[in-house]
Each structure stands twice: as structure tokens, then as C-alpha cells.
């Protein structure tokens, strides 16, 4: 939730993991942009309430489902790999 509130889609975290994966990973799948697109449509608070456990940094069932759908779509389409 903190990332959605205080970062952007090209945050330091994204850059660190992308750089890390250049030589060490088969694919880098970035879901940040998908979350930030949703926050533009529904608002940050709404997405945090809908996708995270209450007062926790972990995803709830809705958040896990969203991530699974995004990753599946990206793997099938080779989008952002």
C-alpha cells in the first residue's frame, strides 16, 4: 500500500528489480503499471482497501487474483517481459 500512496509506476523498486533481473532472471514481470492504472480509475484508497489485508502490507484474495490475472496475461502475450 505504501508504494501506491507514495511511489509511481517507475519507482526505485521497479528500477532495482529490473536491473537485478537483467543477468539473473529469465523474465522481469512488472505489475506496478497495472496497479497505478487502477488507482487512476478508482483511486488509491479504493485499491488499497480492495486489494490488501486491513492494516497490512499483504495482498488479500482480490489482490492475489488481480496479480495472477496480470501475470498470466503478460506471459501469454509476452507483454512487458
N, C-alpha and C. Protein backbone atom coordinates (compact mmCIF):
# COMPACT_ATOMS: atom_id res chain seq x y z
N UNK A 1 0.81 -1.22 0.00
CA UNK A 1 0.00 0.00 0.00
C UNK A 1 0.85 1.27 0.00
N UNK A 2 1.97 1.22 0.67
CA UNK A 2 2.84 2.39 0.71
C UNK A 2 3.35 2.78 -0.66
N UNK A 3 3.64 1.79 -1.49
CA UNK A 3 4.10 2.08 -2.84
C UNK A 3 3.02 2.79 -3.65
N UNK A 4 1.78 2.36 -3.50
CA UNK A 4 0.69 3.01 -4.23
C UNK A 4 0.48 4.44 -3.74
N UNK A 5 0.67 4.66 -2.46
CA UNK A 5 0.45 6.00 -1.91
C UNK A 5 1.59 6.97 -2.22
N UNK A 6 2.83 6.47 -2.22
CA UNK A 6 3.98 7.38 -2.24
C UNK A 6 4.91 7.23 -3.44
N UNK A 7 4.76 6.19 -4.24
CA UNK A 7 5.64 5.97 -5.39
C UNK A 7 4.92 6.27 -6.68
N UNK A 8 5.58 5.93 -7.77
CA UNK A 8 4.95 5.99 -9.08
C UNK A 8 5.32 4.71 -9.83
N UNK A 9 4.81 4.56 -11.04
CA UNK A 9 5.00 3.32 -11.79
C UNK A 9 6.46 3.05 -12.13
N UNK A 10 7.28 4.08 -12.13
CA UNK A 10 8.72 3.91 -12.41
C UNK A 10 9.54 4.15 -11.15
N UNK A 11 9.12 3.54 -10.09
CA UNK A 11 9.75 3.79 -8.79
C UNK A 11 11.15 3.17 -8.70
N UNK A 12 11.83 3.53 -7.65
CA UNK A 12 13.16 2.98 -7.38
C UNK A 12 13.10 1.46 -7.27
N UNK A 13 12.03 0.93 -6.68
CA UNK A 13 11.89 -0.53 -6.55
C UNK A 13 11.86 -1.20 -7.91
N UNK A 14 11.10 -0.64 -8.83
CA UNK A 14 11.00 -1.22 -10.17
C UNK A 14 12.36 -1.21 -10.84
N UNK A 15 13.06 -0.09 -10.75
CA UNK A 15 14.37 0.02 -11.39
C UNK A 15 15.38 -0.96 -10.79
N UNK A 16 15.35 -1.12 -9.48
CA UNK A 16 16.27 -2.06 -8.81
C UNK A 16 16.01 -3.48 -9.28
N UNK A 17 14.75 -3.92 -9.27
CA UNK A 17 14.43 -5.30 -9.66
C UNK A 17 14.65 -5.53 -11.15
N UNK A 18 14.36 -4.53 -11.95
CA UNK A 18 14.59 -4.67 -13.39
C UNK A 18 16.08 -4.84 -13.68
N UNK A 19 16.89 -4.02 -13.03
CA UNK A 19 18.34 -4.12 -13.19
C UNK A 19 18.84 -5.47 -12.67
N UNK A 20 18.34 -5.91 -11.53
CA UNK A 20 18.73 -7.19 -10.95
C UNK A 20 18.44 -8.33 -11.92
N UNK A 21 17.30 -8.27 -12.58
CA UNK A 21 16.86 -9.36 -13.46
C UNK A 21 17.57 -9.41 -14.81
N UNK A 22 18.29 -8.38 -15.17
CA UNK A 22 18.95 -8.35 -16.48
C UNK A 22 19.80 -9.60 -16.69
N UNK A 23 20.62 -9.97 -15.73
CA UNK A 23 21.50 -11.13 -15.87
C UNK A 23 21.11 -12.32 -15.02
N UNK A 24 20.11 -12.16 -14.16
CA UNK A 24 19.82 -13.21 -13.19
C UNK A 24 18.45 -13.85 -13.34
N UNK A 25 17.61 -13.32 -14.18
CA UNK A 25 16.23 -13.81 -14.30
C UNK A 25 15.92 -14.11 -15.76
N UNK A 26 15.00 -15.03 -15.94
CA UNK A 26 14.54 -15.29 -17.30
C UNK A 26 13.60 -14.18 -17.76
N UNK A 27 12.74 -13.72 -16.86
CA UNK A 27 11.79 -12.65 -17.19
C UNK A 27 11.63 -11.72 -15.99
N UNK A 28 11.40 -10.47 -16.29
CA UNK A 28 11.01 -9.49 -15.28
C UNK A 28 9.58 -9.09 -15.59
N UNK A 29 8.66 -9.43 -14.70
CA UNK A 29 7.25 -9.11 -14.92
C UNK A 29 6.88 -7.99 -13.96
N UNK A 30 6.60 -6.85 -14.53
CA UNK A 30 6.31 -5.64 -13.76
C UNK A 30 4.80 -5.44 -13.66
N UNK A 31 4.27 -5.50 -12.45
CA UNK A 31 2.83 -5.28 -12.24
C UNK A 31 2.53 -3.88 -11.71
N UNK A 32 3.56 -3.09 -11.47
CA UNK A 32 3.35 -1.75 -10.93
C UNK A 32 2.43 -0.91 -11.81
N UNK A 33 2.71 -0.93 -13.12
CA UNK A 33 1.93 -0.09 -14.04
C UNK A 33 0.45 -0.47 -13.97
N UNK A 34 0.16 -1.76 -13.84
CA UNK A 34 -1.22 -2.21 -13.78
C UNK A 34 -1.93 -1.68 -12.53
N UNK A 35 -1.21 -1.69 -11.42
CA UNK A 35 -1.79 -1.15 -10.18
C UNK A 35 -2.00 0.36 -10.29
N UNK A 36 -1.03 1.06 -10.85
CA UNK A 36 -1.16 2.51 -10.96
C UNK A 36 -2.25 2.92 -11.94
N UNK A 37 -2.47 2.12 -12.98
CA UNK A 37 -3.59 2.39 -13.89
C UNK A 37 -4.91 2.27 -13.14
N UNK A 38 -5.01 1.25 -12.29
CA UNK A 38 -6.24 1.09 -11.49
C UNK A 38 -6.44 2.24 -10.52
N UNK A 39 -5.36 2.72 -9.91
CA UNK A 39 -5.51 3.83 -8.96
C UNK A 39 -5.99 5.09 -9.68
N UNK A 40 -5.61 5.27 -10.95
CA UNK A 40 -6.10 6.41 -11.71
C UNK A 40 -7.60 6.31 -11.95
N UNK A 41 -8.10 5.09 -12.11
CA UNK A 41 -9.52 4.88 -12.38
C UNK A 41 -10.35 4.90 -11.10
N UNK A 42 -9.85 4.25 -10.04
CA UNK A 42 -10.66 4.03 -8.85
C UNK A 42 -10.17 4.76 -7.60
N UNK A 43 -8.98 5.31 -7.67
CA UNK A 43 -8.41 5.99 -6.51
C UNK A 43 -7.53 5.06 -5.69
N UNK A 44 -6.52 5.64 -5.09
CA UNK A 44 -5.55 4.87 -4.32
C UNK A 44 -6.19 4.18 -3.11
N UNK A 45 -6.99 4.91 -2.36
CA UNK A 45 -7.61 4.34 -1.16
C UNK A 45 -8.51 3.17 -1.51
N UNK A 46 -9.25 3.29 -2.58
CA UNK A 46 -10.15 2.22 -3.00
C UNK A 46 -9.37 0.95 -3.34
N UNK A 47 -8.28 1.09 -4.08
CA UNK A 47 -7.48 -0.08 -4.46
C UNK A 47 -6.82 -0.69 -3.23
N UNK A 48 -6.33 0.13 -2.34
CA UNK A 48 -5.71 -0.39 -1.11
C UNK A 48 -6.75 -1.14 -0.29
N UNK A 49 -7.93 -0.59 -0.13
CA UNK A 49 -8.99 -1.27 0.63
C UNK A 49 -9.44 -2.56 -0.04
N UNK A 50 -9.49 -2.56 -1.38
CA UNK A 50 -9.98 -3.73 -2.11
C UNK A 50 -8.94 -4.84 -2.26
N UNK A 51 -7.64 -4.49 -2.28
CA UNK A 51 -6.62 -5.48 -2.64
C UNK A 51 -5.67 -5.88 -1.51
N UNK A 52 -5.72 -5.19 -0.38
CA UNK A 52 -4.80 -5.50 0.71
C UNK A 52 -5.56 -5.90 1.97
N UNK A 53 -4.91 -6.74 2.79
CA UNK A 53 -5.49 -7.07 4.09
C UNK A 53 -5.55 -5.80 4.92
N UNK A 54 -6.55 -5.68 5.76
CA UNK A 54 -6.74 -4.49 6.58
C UNK A 54 -5.52 -4.25 7.46
N UNK A 55 -4.97 -3.04 7.40
CA UNK A 55 -3.80 -2.63 8.19
C UNK A 55 -2.61 -3.57 8.01
N UNK A 56 -2.40 -4.02 6.79
CA UNK A 56 -1.33 -4.97 6.50
C UNK A 56 -0.77 -4.65 5.12
N UNK A 57 0.46 -5.09 4.86
CA UNK A 57 1.09 -4.85 3.57
C UNK A 57 0.87 -6.01 2.60
N UNK A 58 0.20 -7.06 3.04
CA UNK A 58 0.00 -8.25 2.21
C UNK A 58 -1.31 -8.18 1.44
N UNK A 59 -1.29 -8.79 0.26
CA UNK A 59 -2.49 -8.82 -0.57
C UNK A 59 -3.54 -9.75 0.03
N UNK A 60 -4.80 -9.39 -0.16
CA UNK A 60 -5.90 -10.28 0.20
C UNK A 60 -6.24 -11.12 -1.04
N UNK A 61 -7.34 -11.84 -1.02
CA UNK A 61 -7.73 -12.67 -2.15
C UNK A 61 -7.92 -11.88 -3.43
N UNK A 62 -8.54 -10.70 -3.34
CA UNK A 62 -8.74 -9.86 -4.53
C UNK A 62 -7.41 -9.41 -5.13
N UNK A 63 -6.49 -9.01 -4.28
CA UNK A 63 -5.18 -8.57 -4.75
C UNK A 63 -4.40 -9.72 -5.38
N UNK A 64 -4.45 -10.88 -4.75
CA UNK A 64 -3.76 -12.05 -5.30
C UNK A 64 -4.35 -12.45 -6.64
N UNK A 65 -5.66 -12.41 -6.75
CA UNK A 65 -6.32 -12.74 -8.01
C UNK A 65 -5.92 -11.76 -9.10
N UNK A 66 -5.90 -10.47 -8.77
CA UNK A 66 -5.51 -9.45 -9.75
C UNK A 66 -4.09 -9.69 -10.26
N UNK A 67 -3.17 -9.95 -9.34
CA UNK A 67 -1.78 -10.20 -9.74
C UNK A 67 -1.69 -11.44 -10.63
N UNK A 68 -2.39 -12.50 -10.25
CA UNK A 68 -2.38 -13.73 -11.05
C UNK A 68 -2.90 -13.45 -12.46
N UNK A 69 -3.96 -12.68 -12.57
CA UNK A 69 -4.52 -12.36 -13.89
C UNK A 69 -3.56 -11.52 -14.72
N UNK A 70 -2.93 -10.55 -14.09
CA UNK A 70 -1.98 -9.68 -14.81
C UNK A 70 -0.79 -10.50 -15.29
N UNK A 71 -0.22 -11.32 -14.42
CA UNK A 71 0.95 -12.12 -14.79
C UNK A 71 0.59 -13.11 -15.89
N UNK A 72 -0.55 -13.77 -15.76
CA UNK A 72 -0.98 -14.72 -16.78
C UNK A 72 -1.12 -14.03 -18.13
N UNK A 73 -1.76 -12.88 -18.14
CA UNK A 73 -1.95 -12.13 -19.39
C UNK A 73 -0.61 -11.74 -20.00
N UNK A 74 0.32 -11.27 -19.16
CA UNK A 74 1.63 -10.86 -19.66
C UNK A 74 2.42 -12.05 -20.20
N UNK A 75 2.34 -13.19 -19.53
CA UNK A 75 3.05 -14.36 -20.01
C UNK A 75 2.48 -14.87 -21.33
N UNK A 76 1.18 -14.85 -21.45
CA UNK A 76 0.55 -15.32 -22.69
C UNK A 76 0.85 -14.39 -23.85
N UNK A 77 0.84 -13.09 -23.60
CA UNK A 77 1.05 -12.11 -24.68
C UNK A 77 2.51 -11.69 -24.82
N UNK A 78 3.39 -12.15 -23.91
CA UNK A 78 4.78 -11.70 -23.86
C UNK A 78 4.87 -10.19 -23.72
N UNK A 79 3.88 -9.59 -23.06
CA UNK A 79 3.82 -8.15 -22.85
C UNK A 79 4.68 -7.77 -21.64
N UNK A 80 5.59 -6.83 -21.83
CA UNK A 80 6.45 -6.33 -20.75
C UNK A 80 7.35 -7.39 -20.16
N UNK A 81 7.80 -8.32 -20.94
CA UNK A 81 8.75 -9.32 -20.43
C UNK A 81 10.14 -8.92 -20.80
